[in-house]
Amino acid sequence: MKKLYCFDFDGTITYKDTMFMYLKFYDSTKFRIQFLRHIPLFILLKLKLAETEKVKKSFIGSILKGQTQEKIEMKSRQFFEQHYPKIVRENAMDFIKNIDRDNTQSLLVTASLDIWVKPFAEELKMQLVATRAEFKNGIFTGNFIGRNCNGKEKLIRIKAEIHDSKYDKIIAFGDTSGDQQMLKWANEGHYQFFH
């Protein structure tokens, strides 16, 4: 029996959203300043008067834009080493460890940026489907390659990743409205399963 597992990352298999954690870890002073600057945008976002993708790009860019890929990757590795496995839910970890790897494909599907989620995906032996950071000449531009990997985009990206592979069963795990399309599409969609 061929299975496909699709796991959302932030909040589903972790206790916390990693974006704020990582950016604060990267540069806490810059994080505090930019967080205060972005409060009006965060409020508009809560009121659904701003686009998630734009606010996210602005906030991430305000801290990481112009940084070298080398430094970002080094910081991502340190972030991973400091927070893994603490931020991963124990029951999610047990579940993932017990996946029969024969005839199974596992995807870590996240709106978070590939740069800081990559070490987690590697450790959990999953293929990463994430929002992609754009680098030019080894420098982060502050932009994404393609769209923010959330909502409908998650499904588009999963389908692109698996091409025309056929599965007997597709099992998905999520914890927010941004996972709904993925959960509905799967044969088994589990909402807040590890909570």
N, C-alpha and C. Protein backbone atom coordinates (compact mmCIF):
# COMPACT_ATOMS: atom_id res chain seq x y z
N MET A 1 0.84 -1.20 0.00
CA MET A 1 0.00 0.00 0.00
C MET A 1 0.88 1.25 0.00
N LYS A 2 0.69 2.09 -1.00
CA LYS A 2 1.52 3.29 -1.14
C LYS A 2 0.83 4.48 -0.47
N LYS A 3 1.55 5.10 0.46
CA LYS A 3 0.95 6.21 1.21
C LYS A 3 1.71 7.52 1.01
N LEU A 4 0.95 8.60 1.10
CA LEU A 4 1.55 9.94 1.10
C LEU A 4 1.09 10.64 2.38
N TYR A 5 2.07 11.11 3.15
CA TYR A 5 1.77 11.90 4.35
C TYR A 5 2.11 13.35 4.07
N CYS A 6 1.20 14.25 4.42
CA CYS A 6 1.45 15.69 4.28
C CYS A 6 1.27 16.33 5.65
N PHE A 7 2.36 16.85 6.19
CA PHE A 7 2.32 17.47 7.52
C PHE A 7 2.51 18.97 7.41
N ASP A 8 1.60 19.73 7.99
CA ASP A 8 1.86 21.15 8.17
C ASP A 8 2.91 21.23 9.28
N PHE A 9 3.66 22.30 9.33
CA PHE A 9 4.76 22.41 10.30
C PHE A 9 4.37 23.23 11.54
N ASP A 10 4.20 24.55 11.35
CA ASP A 10 3.96 25.44 12.48
C ASP A 10 2.63 25.17 13.18
N GLY A 11 2.70 24.83 14.45
CA GLY A 11 1.49 24.60 15.22
C GLY A 11 0.94 23.20 15.11
N THR A 12 1.24 22.52 14.00
CA THR A 12 0.75 21.15 13.84
C THR A 12 1.73 20.18 14.48
N ILE A 13 2.99 20.23 14.03
CA ILE A 13 3.97 19.34 14.68
C ILE A 13 4.88 20.11 15.63
N THR A 14 4.76 21.45 15.61
CA THR A 14 5.51 22.24 16.60
C THR A 14 4.51 22.88 17.56
N TYR A 15 5.00 23.31 18.71
CA TYR A 15 4.14 24.00 19.67
C TYR A 15 3.92 25.45 19.30
N LYS A 16 4.90 26.01 18.57
CA LYS A 16 4.86 27.44 18.29
C LYS A 16 5.07 27.71 16.82
N ASP A 17 4.72 28.94 16.43
CA ASP A 17 5.00 29.40 15.08
C ASP A 17 6.49 29.74 15.03
N THR A 18 7.20 29.21 14.06
CA THR A 18 8.66 29.38 14.05
C THR A 18 9.12 30.69 13.41
N MET A 19 8.25 31.36 12.66
CA MET A 19 8.70 32.57 11.98
C MET A 19 9.20 33.63 12.97
N PHE A 20 8.36 33.97 13.95
CA PHE A 20 8.77 34.98 14.93
C PHE A 20 9.96 34.49 15.75
N MET A 21 9.94 33.21 16.11
CA MET A 21 11.05 32.64 16.88
C MET A 21 12.37 32.78 16.14
N TYR A 22 12.35 32.41 14.86
CA TYR A 22 13.59 32.45 14.07
C TYR A 22 14.08 33.88 13.87
N LEU A 23 13.18 34.78 13.52
CA LEU A 23 13.59 36.16 13.25
C LEU A 23 14.14 36.83 14.51
N LYS A 24 13.56 36.50 15.64
CA LYS A 24 14.03 37.04 16.92
C LYS A 24 15.41 36.46 17.25
N PHE A 25 15.56 35.17 16.97
CA PHE A 25 16.83 34.48 17.18
C PHE A 25 17.91 35.08 16.28
N TYR A 26 17.52 35.42 15.06
CA TYR A 26 18.48 35.93 14.07
C TYR A 26 19.06 37.28 14.50
N ASP A 27 18.17 38.19 14.94
CA ASP A 27 18.63 39.51 15.36
C ASP A 27 17.56 40.11 16.28
N SER A 28 17.73 39.92 17.58
CA SER A 28 16.67 40.31 18.52
C SER A 28 16.42 41.81 18.56
N THR A 29 17.46 42.61 18.37
CA THR A 29 17.29 44.06 18.40
C THR A 29 16.47 44.52 17.20
N LYS A 30 16.90 44.07 16.02
CA LYS A 30 16.20 44.41 14.79
C LYS A 30 14.76 43.89 14.86
N PHE A 31 14.60 42.69 15.42
CA PHE A 31 13.28 42.07 15.54
C PHE A 31 12.34 42.98 16.33
N ARG A 32 12.81 43.46 17.49
CA ARG A 32 11.97 44.30 18.35
C ARG A 32 11.54 45.58 17.64
N ILE A 33 12.51 46.23 16.99
CA ILE A 33 12.22 47.48 16.27
C ILE A 33 11.20 47.24 15.16
N GLN A 34 11.47 46.21 14.34
CA GLN A 34 10.59 45.95 13.20
C GLN A 34 9.22 45.42 13.63
N PHE A 35 9.20 44.70 14.74
CA PHE A 35 7.92 44.19 15.24
C PHE A 35 7.02 45.39 15.59
N LEU A 36 7.58 46.36 16.30
CA LEU A 36 6.82 47.56 16.68
C LEU A 36 6.36 48.32 15.43
N ARG A 37 7.26 48.41 14.45
CA ARG A 37 6.92 49.11 13.20
C ARG A 37 5.79 48.40 12.44
N HIS A 38 5.73 47.09 12.60
CA HIS A 38 4.75 46.31 11.84
C HIS A 38 3.41 46.10 12.56
N ILE A 39 3.33 46.58 13.81
CA ILE A 39 2.08 46.39 14.56
C ILE A 39 0.83 46.86 13.78
N PRO A 40 0.86 48.07 13.16
CA PRO A 40 -0.33 48.47 12.39
C PRO A 40 -0.70 47.47 11.30
N LEU A 41 0.33 46.92 10.65
CA LEU A 41 0.07 45.92 9.60
C LEU A 41 -0.48 44.62 10.18
N PHE A 42 0.06 44.23 11.34
CA PHE A 42 -0.43 43.00 11.99
C PHE A 42 -1.90 43.16 12.38
N ILE A 43 -2.27 44.38 12.80
CA ILE A 43 -3.67 44.65 13.17
C ILE A 43 -4.56 44.54 11.92
N LEU A 44 -4.11 45.15 10.83
CA LEU A 44 -4.87 45.07 9.57
C LEU A 44 -5.03 43.62 9.13
N LEU A 45 -3.98 42.84 9.38
CA LEU A 45 -4.01 41.43 9.02
C LEU A 45 -5.08 40.69 9.82
N LYS A 46 -5.11 40.95 11.13
CA LYS A 46 -6.11 40.33 12.01
C LYS A 46 -7.53 40.71 11.56
N LEU A 47 -7.68 41.95 11.08
CA LEU A 47 -8.99 42.42 10.62
C LEU A 47 -9.26 42.01 9.17
N LYS A 48 -8.34 41.23 8.62
CA LYS A 48 -8.41 40.76 7.24
C LYS A 48 -8.45 41.92 6.23
N LEU A 49 -7.74 42.99 6.56
CA LEU A 49 -7.68 44.16 5.68
C LEU A 49 -6.32 44.29 5.00
N ALA A 50 -5.47 43.30 5.24
CA ALA A 50 -4.16 43.30 4.57
C ALA A 50 -3.88 41.88 4.09
N GLU A 51 -3.06 41.79 3.06
CA GLU A 51 -2.71 40.47 2.51
C GLU A 51 -1.59 39.85 3.33
N THR A 52 -1.82 38.61 3.77
CA THR A 52 -0.82 37.88 4.56
C THR A 52 0.54 37.89 3.89
N GLU A 53 0.54 37.57 2.60
CA GLU A 53 1.80 37.46 1.87
C GLU A 53 2.61 38.75 1.90
N LYS A 54 1.92 39.89 1.71
CA LYS A 54 2.61 41.19 1.69
C LYS A 54 3.19 41.54 3.05
N VAL A 55 2.38 41.33 4.10
CA VAL A 55 2.83 41.66 5.46
C VAL A 55 4.01 40.78 5.85
N LYS A 56 3.88 39.49 5.51
CA LYS A 56 4.93 38.53 5.83
C LYS A 56 6.25 38.89 5.12
N LYS A 57 6.13 39.22 3.84
CA LYS A 57 7.31 39.59 3.05
C LYS A 57 7.97 40.84 3.63
N SER A 58 7.13 41.80 3.99
CA SER A 58 7.63 43.06 4.55
C SER A 58 8.36 42.81 5.88
N PHE A 59 7.75 41.99 6.74
CA PHE A 59 8.34 41.75 8.05
C PHE A 59 9.64 40.94 7.97
N ILE A 60 9.60 39.86 7.20
CA ILE A 60 10.80 39.02 7.03
C ILE A 60 11.91 39.84 6.36
N GLY A 61 11.53 40.57 5.32
CA GLY A 61 12.50 41.39 4.58
C GLY A 61 13.14 42.46 5.45
N SER A 62 12.34 43.03 6.38
CA SER A 62 12.87 44.10 7.23
C SER A 62 13.99 43.60 8.14
N ILE A 63 14.05 42.29 8.34
CA ILE A 63 15.09 41.72 9.20
C ILE A 63 16.18 41.00 8.40
N LEU A 64 15.78 40.28 7.35
CA LEU A 64 16.75 39.42 6.65
C LEU A 64 17.25 39.95 5.30
N LYS A 65 16.56 40.91 4.75
CA LYS A 65 16.96 41.41 3.42
C LYS A 65 18.40 41.90 3.43
N GLY A 66 19.18 41.51 2.41
CA GLY A 66 20.57 41.95 2.31
C GLY A 66 21.55 41.05 3.06
N GLN A 67 21.02 40.08 3.78
CA GLN A 67 21.89 39.14 4.51
C GLN A 67 22.38 38.05 3.55
N THR A 68 23.55 37.49 3.85
CA THR A 68 24.08 36.47 2.95
C THR A 68 23.41 35.12 3.22
N GLN A 69 23.33 34.34 2.16
CA GLN A 69 22.74 33.01 2.26
C GLN A 69 23.53 32.17 3.27
N GLU A 70 24.82 32.36 3.25
CA GLU A 70 25.72 31.62 4.15
C GLU A 70 25.37 31.90 5.61
N LYS A 71 25.20 33.18 5.94
CA LYS A 71 24.89 33.55 7.32
C LYS A 71 23.49 33.04 7.71
N ILE A 72 22.53 33.20 6.80
CA ILE A 72 21.16 32.76 7.08
C ILE A 72 21.13 31.25 7.31
N GLU A 73 21.87 30.50 6.49
CA GLU A 73 21.89 29.04 6.65
C GLU A 73 22.59 28.63 7.95
N MET A 74 23.64 29.34 8.30
CA MET A 74 24.36 29.06 9.54
C MET A 74 23.44 29.31 10.74
N LYS A 75 22.73 30.46 10.70
CA LYS A 75 21.79 30.81 11.78
C LYS A 75 20.63 29.81 11.85
N SER A 76 20.20 29.32 10.70
CA SER A 76 19.11 28.34 10.65
C SER A 76 19.52 27.04 11.31
N ARG A 77 20.77 26.66 11.08
CA ARG A 77 21.33 25.43 11.68
C ARG A 77 21.41 25.60 13.20
N GLN A 78 21.88 26.78 13.65
CA GLN A 78 21.98 27.05 15.08
C GLN A 78 20.59 27.08 15.73
N PHE A 79 19.65 27.69 15.02
CA PHE A 79 18.26 27.76 15.51
C PHE A 79 17.71 26.35 15.69
N PHE A 80 17.96 25.50 14.71
CA PHE A 80 17.51 24.11 14.77
C PHE A 80 18.14 23.41 15.98
N GLU A 81 19.46 23.55 16.11
CA GLU A 81 20.17 22.87 17.20
C GLU A 81 19.69 23.33 18.58
N GLN A 82 19.32 24.60 18.68
CA GLN A 82 18.86 25.12 19.95
C GLN A 82 17.42 24.70 20.29
N HIS A 83 16.58 24.52 19.26
CA HIS A 83 15.16 24.29 19.53
C HIS A 83 14.64 22.88 19.24
N TYR A 84 15.46 22.08 18.59
CA TYR A 84 15.02 20.71 18.30
C TYR A 84 15.56 19.77 19.36
N PRO A 85 14.79 18.85 19.92
CA PRO A 85 13.38 18.58 19.59
C PRO A 85 12.39 19.31 20.49
N LYS A 86 12.84 20.27 21.31
CA LYS A 86 11.95 20.93 22.29
C LYS A 86 10.65 21.47 21.71
N ILE A 87 10.74 22.10 20.52
CA ILE A 87 9.51 22.72 20.01
C ILE A 87 8.61 21.74 19.24
N VAL A 88 9.07 20.50 19.09
CA VAL A 88 8.24 19.52 18.38
C VAL A 88 7.36 18.78 19.38
N ARG A 89 6.08 18.67 19.05
CA ARG A 89 5.14 17.96 19.93
C ARG A 89 5.56 16.49 20.04
N GLU A 90 5.61 15.98 21.26
CA GLU A 90 6.09 14.59 21.47
C GLU A 90 5.28 13.58 20.69
N ASN A 91 3.93 13.72 20.72
CA ASN A 91 3.12 12.72 20.01
C ASN A 91 3.28 12.81 18.49
N ALA A 92 3.59 14.01 17.99
CA ALA A 92 3.86 14.15 16.56
C ALA A 92 5.17 13.45 16.23
N MET A 93 6.15 13.64 17.11
CA MET A 93 7.46 13.01 16.93
C MET A 93 7.33 11.48 16.93
N ASP A 94 6.58 10.95 17.88
CA ASP A 94 6.37 9.48 17.95
C ASP A 94 5.72 8.98 16.68
N PHE A 95 4.70 9.71 16.25
CA PHE A 95 3.96 9.31 15.04
C PHE A 95 4.90 9.27 13.83
N ILE A 96 5.69 10.34 13.68
CA ILE A 96 6.60 10.44 12.52
C ILE A 96 7.68 9.35 12.58
N LYS A 97 8.20 9.10 13.78
CA LYS A 97 9.24 8.07 13.92
C LYS A 97 8.71 6.69 13.56
N ASN A 98 7.41 6.48 13.77
CA ASN A 98 6.83 5.16 13.52
C ASN A 98 6.23 4.98 12.13
N ILE A 99 6.45 5.96 11.27
CA ILE A 99 5.96 5.81 9.89
C ILE A 99 6.79 4.73 9.21
N ASP A 100 6.10 3.80 8.57
CA ASP A 100 6.80 2.76 7.82
C ASP A 100 7.33 3.42 6.54
N ARG A 101 8.64 3.52 6.43
CA ARG A 101 9.24 4.28 5.32
C ARG A 101 9.16 3.56 3.97
N ASP A 102 8.86 2.27 3.98
CA ASP A 102 8.73 1.56 2.70
C ASP A 102 7.43 2.00 2.05
N ASN A 103 7.51 2.33 0.77
CA ASN A 103 6.31 2.67 0.03
C ASN A 103 5.58 3.91 0.56
N THR A 104 6.32 4.76 1.25
CA THR A 104 5.71 5.96 1.83
C THR A 104 6.51 7.19 1.46
N GLN A 105 5.76 8.25 1.14
CA GLN A 105 6.41 9.54 0.89
C GLN A 105 5.86 10.50 1.94
N SER A 106 6.76 11.27 2.56
CA SER A 106 6.33 12.24 3.58
C SER A 106 6.76 13.64 3.19
N LEU A 107 5.80 14.56 3.23
CA LEU A 107 6.09 15.95 2.89
C LEU A 107 5.85 16.84 4.10
N LEU A 108 6.75 17.79 4.28
CA LEU A 108 6.57 18.82 5.30
C LEU A 108 6.12 20.06 4.52
N VAL A 109 4.85 20.41 4.68
CA VAL A 109 4.25 21.46 3.86
C VAL A 109 4.01 22.69 4.72
N THR A 110 4.73 23.77 4.43
CA THR A 110 4.68 24.90 5.34
C THR A 110 4.72 26.27 4.65
N ALA A 111 4.03 27.22 5.27
CA ALA A 111 4.08 28.60 4.78
C ALA A 111 5.37 29.28 5.27
N SER A 112 6.04 28.66 6.24
CA SER A 112 7.31 29.22 6.72
C SER A 112 8.35 29.16 5.60
N LEU A 113 9.41 29.94 5.74
CA LEU A 113 10.43 29.96 4.70
C LEU A 113 11.32 28.73 4.75
N ASP A 114 11.66 28.25 3.57
CA ASP A 114 12.50 27.06 3.44
C ASP A 114 13.80 27.20 4.23
N ILE A 115 14.32 28.44 4.33
CA ILE A 115 15.64 28.61 4.95
C ILE A 115 15.74 28.09 6.38
N TRP A 116 14.71 28.34 7.19
CA TRP A 116 14.85 27.86 8.57
C TRP A 116 14.15 26.54 8.85
N VAL A 117 13.32 26.07 7.91
CA VAL A 117 12.62 24.79 8.14
C VAL A 117 13.42 23.60 7.61
N LYS A 118 14.33 23.89 6.67
CA LYS A 118 15.11 22.83 6.03
C LYS A 118 15.78 21.86 7.02
N PRO A 119 16.49 22.34 8.06
CA PRO A 119 17.12 21.40 8.99
C PRO A 119 16.10 20.46 9.69
N PHE A 120 14.89 21.00 9.94
CA PHE A 120 13.84 20.18 10.58
C PHE A 120 13.37 19.09 9.61
N ALA A 121 13.16 19.48 8.36
CA ALA A 121 12.70 18.51 7.34
C ALA A 121 13.73 17.39 7.18
N GLU A 122 15.01 17.77 7.16
CA GLU A 122 16.07 16.78 7.01
C GLU A 122 16.09 15.82 8.19
N GLU A 123 15.98 16.37 9.39
CA GLU A 123 15.98 15.55 10.60
C GLU A 123 14.78 14.60 10.63
N LEU A 124 13.63 15.09 10.18
CA LEU A 124 12.40 14.28 10.21
C LEU A 124 12.27 13.39 8.96
N LYS A 125 13.30 13.45 8.10
CA LYS A 125 13.35 12.66 6.85
C LYS A 125 12.11 12.90 5.97
N MET A 126 11.86 14.18 5.74
CA MET A 126 10.72 14.56 4.89
C MET A 126 11.19 15.47 3.77
N GLN A 127 10.43 15.43 2.68
CA GLN A 127 10.70 16.38 1.60
C GLN A 127 10.04 17.69 1.98
N LEU A 128 10.74 18.79 1.73
CA LEU A 128 10.23 20.09 2.15
C LEU A 128 9.48 20.80 1.02
N VAL A 129 8.25 21.21 1.33
CA VAL A 129 7.45 22.02 0.42
C VAL A 129 7.14 23.29 1.20
N ALA A 130 7.84 24.38 0.90
CA ALA A 130 7.75 25.58 1.74
C ALA A 130 7.73 26.84 0.88
N THR A 131 7.50 27.98 1.54
CA THR A 131 7.66 29.27 0.87
C THR A 131 9.16 29.41 0.62
N ARG A 132 9.51 29.79 -0.61
CA ARG A 132 10.94 29.80 -0.96
C ARG A 132 11.53 31.20 -0.94
N ALA A 133 12.65 31.33 -0.26
CA ALA A 133 13.36 32.60 -0.18
C ALA A 133 14.17 32.81 -1.46
N GLU A 134 14.18 34.04 -1.94
CA GLU A 134 14.92 34.33 -3.16
C GLU A 134 16.30 34.92 -2.85
N PHE A 135 17.31 34.29 -3.40
CA PHE A 135 18.69 34.78 -3.24
C PHE A 135 19.25 35.17 -4.60
N LYS A 136 19.95 36.31 -4.63
CA LYS A 136 20.65 36.69 -5.87
C LYS A 136 22.10 36.93 -5.49
N ASN A 137 22.99 36.24 -6.19
CA ASN A 137 24.42 36.32 -5.88
C ASN A 137 24.69 36.07 -4.40
N GLY A 138 23.96 35.11 -3.84
CA GLY A 138 24.20 34.73 -2.45
C GLY A 138 23.65 35.69 -1.40
N ILE A 139 22.80 36.64 -1.84
CA ILE A 139 22.21 37.62 -0.91
C ILE A 139 20.69 37.49 -0.96
N PHE A 140 20.04 37.51 0.22
CA PHE A 140 18.59 37.42 0.27
C PHE A 140 17.97 38.74 -0.21
N THR A 141 17.08 38.64 -1.21
CA THR A 141 16.49 39.84 -1.82
C THR A 141 15.32 40.39 -1.00
N GLY A 142 14.82 39.59 -0.06
CA GLY A 142 13.63 40.01 0.68
C GLY A 142 12.36 39.53 -0.01
N ASN A 143 12.54 38.90 -1.19
CA ASN A 143 11.39 38.37 -1.93
C ASN A 143 11.27 36.86 -1.81
N PHE A 144 10.12 36.37 -2.24
CA PHE A 144 9.89 34.92 -2.29
C PHE A 144 9.94 34.48 -3.75
N ILE A 145 10.31 33.22 -3.97
CA ILE A 145 10.20 32.65 -5.31
C ILE A 145 8.80 32.03 -5.36
N GLY A 146 7.96 32.58 -6.21
CA GLY A 146 6.58 32.08 -6.24
C GLY A 146 5.79 32.64 -5.06
N ARG A 147 4.68 31.99 -4.76
CA ARG A 147 3.78 32.52 -3.74
C ARG A 147 4.06 31.98 -2.34
N ASN A 148 3.43 32.62 -1.36
CA ASN A 148 3.44 32.15 0.02
C ASN A 148 2.76 30.78 0.04
N CYS A 149 3.41 29.78 0.59
CA CYS A 149 2.89 28.40 0.53
C CYS A 149 1.82 28.18 1.60
N ASN A 150 0.62 28.67 1.31
CA ASN A 150 -0.48 28.57 2.27
C ASN A 150 -1.80 28.44 1.52
N GLY A 151 -2.80 27.86 2.17
CA GLY A 151 -4.12 27.72 1.55
C GLY A 151 -4.05 26.93 0.26
N LYS A 152 -4.64 27.50 -0.81
CA LYS A 152 -4.67 26.84 -2.12
C LYS A 152 -3.27 26.52 -2.63
N GLU A 153 -2.34 27.43 -2.33
CA GLU A 153 -0.97 27.27 -2.80
C GLU A 153 -0.34 25.99 -2.26
N LYS A 154 -0.71 25.60 -1.04
CA LYS A 154 -0.16 24.35 -0.47
C LYS A 154 -0.49 23.17 -1.38
N LEU A 155 -1.74 23.15 -1.82
CA LEU A 155 -2.20 22.05 -2.66
C LEU A 155 -1.52 22.06 -4.03
N ILE A 156 -1.39 23.25 -4.60
CA ILE A 156 -0.72 23.39 -5.90
C ILE A 156 0.71 22.85 -5.79
N ARG A 157 1.39 23.22 -4.70
CA ARG A 157 2.78 22.83 -4.52
C ARG A 157 2.93 21.33 -4.24
N ILE A 158 1.98 20.77 -3.48
CA ILE A 158 2.02 19.32 -3.20
C ILE A 158 1.89 18.56 -4.51
N LYS A 159 0.91 18.98 -5.32
CA LYS A 159 0.67 18.29 -6.60
C LYS A 159 1.89 18.39 -7.52
N ALA A 160 2.55 19.55 -7.49
CA ALA A 160 3.76 19.73 -8.32
C ALA A 160 4.88 18.82 -7.81
N GLU A 161 4.95 18.65 -6.51
CA GLU A 161 5.99 17.83 -5.88
C GLU A 161 5.82 16.34 -6.19
N ILE A 162 4.57 15.87 -6.18
CA ILE A 162 4.33 14.43 -6.37
C ILE A 162 4.10 14.07 -7.83
N HIS A 163 4.03 15.08 -8.70
CA HIS A 163 3.78 14.88 -10.14
C HIS A 163 2.54 14.01 -10.33
N ASP A 164 2.71 12.90 -11.02
CA ASP A 164 1.55 12.04 -11.26
C ASP A 164 1.61 10.76 -10.45
N SER A 165 2.35 10.79 -9.37
CA SER A 165 2.44 9.58 -8.53
C SER A 165 1.05 9.20 -8.04
N LYS A 166 0.81 7.91 -7.98
CA LYS A 166 -0.49 7.41 -7.48
C LYS A 166 -0.28 6.85 -6.08
N TYR A 167 -1.21 7.18 -5.20
CA TYR A 167 -1.13 6.68 -3.83
C TYR A 167 -2.43 5.96 -3.48
N ASP A 168 -2.30 4.93 -2.65
CA ASP A 168 -3.50 4.24 -2.18
C ASP A 168 -4.18 5.08 -1.11
N LYS A 169 -3.37 5.84 -0.40
CA LYS A 169 -3.93 6.66 0.66
C LYS A 169 -3.10 7.92 0.87
N ILE A 170 -3.81 9.06 0.98
CA ILE A 170 -3.16 10.33 1.26
C ILE A 170 -3.68 10.82 2.61
N ILE A 171 -2.75 11.06 3.52
CA ILE A 171 -3.10 11.44 4.89
C ILE A 171 -2.47 12.80 5.18
N ALA A 172 -3.30 13.76 5.60
CA ALA A 172 -2.78 15.11 5.85
C ALA A 172 -3.09 15.58 7.27
N PHE A 173 -2.19 16.40 7.79
CA PHE A 173 -2.33 16.95 9.15
C PHE A 173 -2.16 18.46 9.10
N GLY A 174 -3.10 19.18 9.71
CA GLY A 174 -3.00 20.64 9.75
C GLY A 174 -3.67 21.18 10.99
N ASP A 175 -3.52 22.50 11.21
CA ASP A 175 -4.12 23.07 12.42
C ASP A 175 -4.74 24.45 12.23
N THR A 176 -4.75 24.95 10.99
CA THR A 176 -5.35 26.27 10.75
C THR A 176 -6.14 26.27 9.45
N SER A 177 -6.83 27.40 9.20
CA SER A 177 -7.62 27.52 7.97
C SER A 177 -6.73 27.43 6.72
N GLY A 178 -5.44 27.77 6.88
CA GLY A 178 -4.51 27.68 5.76
C GLY A 178 -4.22 26.26 5.31
N ASP A 179 -4.70 25.28 6.11
CA ASP A 179 -4.49 23.86 5.78
C ASP A 179 -5.76 23.20 5.24
N GLN A 180 -6.86 23.96 5.22
CA GLN A 180 -8.16 23.36 4.86
C GLN A 180 -8.18 22.66 3.50
N GLN A 181 -7.64 23.33 2.47
CA GLN A 181 -7.66 22.73 1.13
C GLN A 181 -6.90 21.41 1.12
N MET A 182 -5.75 21.41 1.77
CA MET A 182 -4.92 20.19 1.83
C MET A 182 -5.67 19.08 2.58
N LEU A 183 -6.32 19.43 3.68
CA LEU A 183 -7.04 18.44 4.49
C LEU A 183 -8.24 17.87 3.73
N LYS A 184 -8.93 18.73 3.00
CA LYS A 184 -10.12 18.28 2.23
C LYS A 184 -9.71 17.36 1.09
N TRP A 185 -8.56 17.67 0.49
CA TRP A 185 -8.08 16.92 -0.67
C TRP A 185 -7.61 15.52 -0.28
N ALA A 186 -7.04 15.38 0.89
CA ALA A 186 -6.51 14.09 1.34
C ALA A 186 -7.65 13.09 1.59
N ASN A 187 -7.31 11.79 1.53
CA ASN A 187 -8.31 10.77 1.88
C ASN A 187 -8.65 10.88 3.36
N GLU A 188 -7.62 11.20 4.14
CA GLU A 188 -7.81 11.40 5.57
C GLU A 188 -7.21 12.74 5.95
N GLY A 189 -8.05 13.67 6.37
CA GLY A 189 -7.55 14.98 6.81
C GLY A 189 -7.72 15.10 8.31
N HIS A 190 -6.61 15.27 9.00
CA HIS A 190 -6.67 15.36 10.47
C HIS A 190 -6.40 16.78 10.93
N TYR A 191 -7.38 17.37 11.62
CA TYR A 191 -7.27 18.74 12.10
C TYR A 191 -6.87 18.73 13.58
N GLN A 192 -5.75 19.41 13.89
CA GLN A 192 -5.24 19.50 15.27
C GLN A 192 -5.11 18.11 15.93
N PHE A 193 -4.68 17.17 15.16
CA PHE A 193 -4.56 15.76 15.57
C PHE A 193 -3.58 15.57 16.72
N PHE A 194 -2.49 16.33 16.70
CA PHE A 194 -1.44 16.13 17.73
C PHE A 194 -1.60 17.07 18.92
N HIS A 195 -2.65 17.88 18.93
CA HIS A 195 -2.82 18.86 20.02
C HIS A 195 -3.22 18.18 21.32
